[in-house]
């Protein structure tokens, strides 16, 4: 065997390989640059008033670079942390998001495979002959065996594979941020339902107190009727008030059941399998301070914005994939095969066959299909960029709404508190007046009704404030980065 031609082929192949690897240092298509942060200075046109100027003192907004990982700890309710751990551990929504992330990660491995040589093995065994190779007939037959391996590689000269990998990696980021968004939505929803349970229990307790008051009024009127100082119509009016307040209990108990069931579902349990704790609104402490993110940092904090940016990155890489398909594809291959007439002679040197080769495929005519695919990728990128911008705008609007809600909650709670105090004093005076015969039962019932509404309004204002604080943390992006690694497990 003459080795010189083989060496020349090997050297020529090495030079070609080196040249192709040098060319593969670049990839066609745009290099992705994350969109710049909005230049706005605030979330609303008019600035928020200082906390000390609010009618009802509330949490102070303090600029902070990061949100706490467990922002619900600011409510200082130990059972809330235990409940959220159970919710996160049992959530099927998070489980599905984790598997979607794992699927995207496997797609990256698949997309990266063409960057490496592909090795295949082949084995053959055959028996062939001429005529009838029978024991007593004429003819001849022979056996042949073969065993070989082929190494091939498609050189990524124009970055088709690398852009495909980039696209898949961006989709992995998208799934990772969607997992974080699911976690934020889950925890925010769980805290909201916990407050809803506490709120329903407070409303039930308030209504029961009102029923007790109604019963006392009825007893008072009944005694006056028995001694002839009140009309039968006064007794009926007092009974009507009592029965009216009792009818509210059914709806409030239904709200409590719905909140309990909703929290169980968030935890991945049926209502028959798990009953949440009986949260008490009085045990929820108002945070003294809550962090405020500057507008420029919000786009790096909200997982839905980051997911939209990752999707934009994937659309940018898709342009590179479509562009690379317009250029030639270069392929190198090498094979070595051992052949023999028997298994004993299979690995003898005389039966060795080898080959080195290369190929080029280039699009010549495709009726504009490849150019259309590239333009479609560009159009898809522009569409995704508009989606990204709208996601940012919606996020800023939600934060502005949440900040104004906190401001208005303080005013509403202050007004409701003042109204409750006035109604309480009015009721006490009216009862005393009615007791000495200076006013009618209708006056007492009217004041009692005003007091009932004032108590329920104050409870509703407290509930709304706490729920708006939860919503504020959710729209700000929560502290998901502190638990990001644990989410993927």
Foldseek 3Di string as FASTA:
>chain_A
DDCVVVVVVVVVVVVVVVVLVVLQVAADFDDDDFDAFDPDFALDPDDDDAQVPFLFRAAGAAADLFADQPNQCLQVDVLLVVLLVLLLVQAVVLVVLLVVLVVLVVQLVVLCVLVDKDKDKDKDKDKDWPDDPDPPDDIDMFIKIKIKMKIKHWRNSHCLSVLSSQLSVLVSLLSLLVSLLVSLVLSLLLVLLLLLLQLLVVLLVLLVVLLVVLVVLLVLQVVCVVVPNADPVLNVVSVVLNVVSVVVNVVSVVSNVVSQQVSCVSSNHGSVPDGRDRHHLVSRHRRNHGYDYGSSSLCVQASVLSSLSSNLSSLSSQLSNLVSLQAKIKMKMKMKMFMDRDPVRRPPPVRIDMDIDMDIDHDDDDPCPSVVSNVVSVVVSVVSVVVSVVVSSVLSVLLVVLVVLLSVLSNQLSVLVVQLVVLVVVLVVVVVCVSVPNDHSVVNSVSSVSNSVSVSSNSVSSSSNVSSVSSNCSSSRHRSVVCSVVSSD
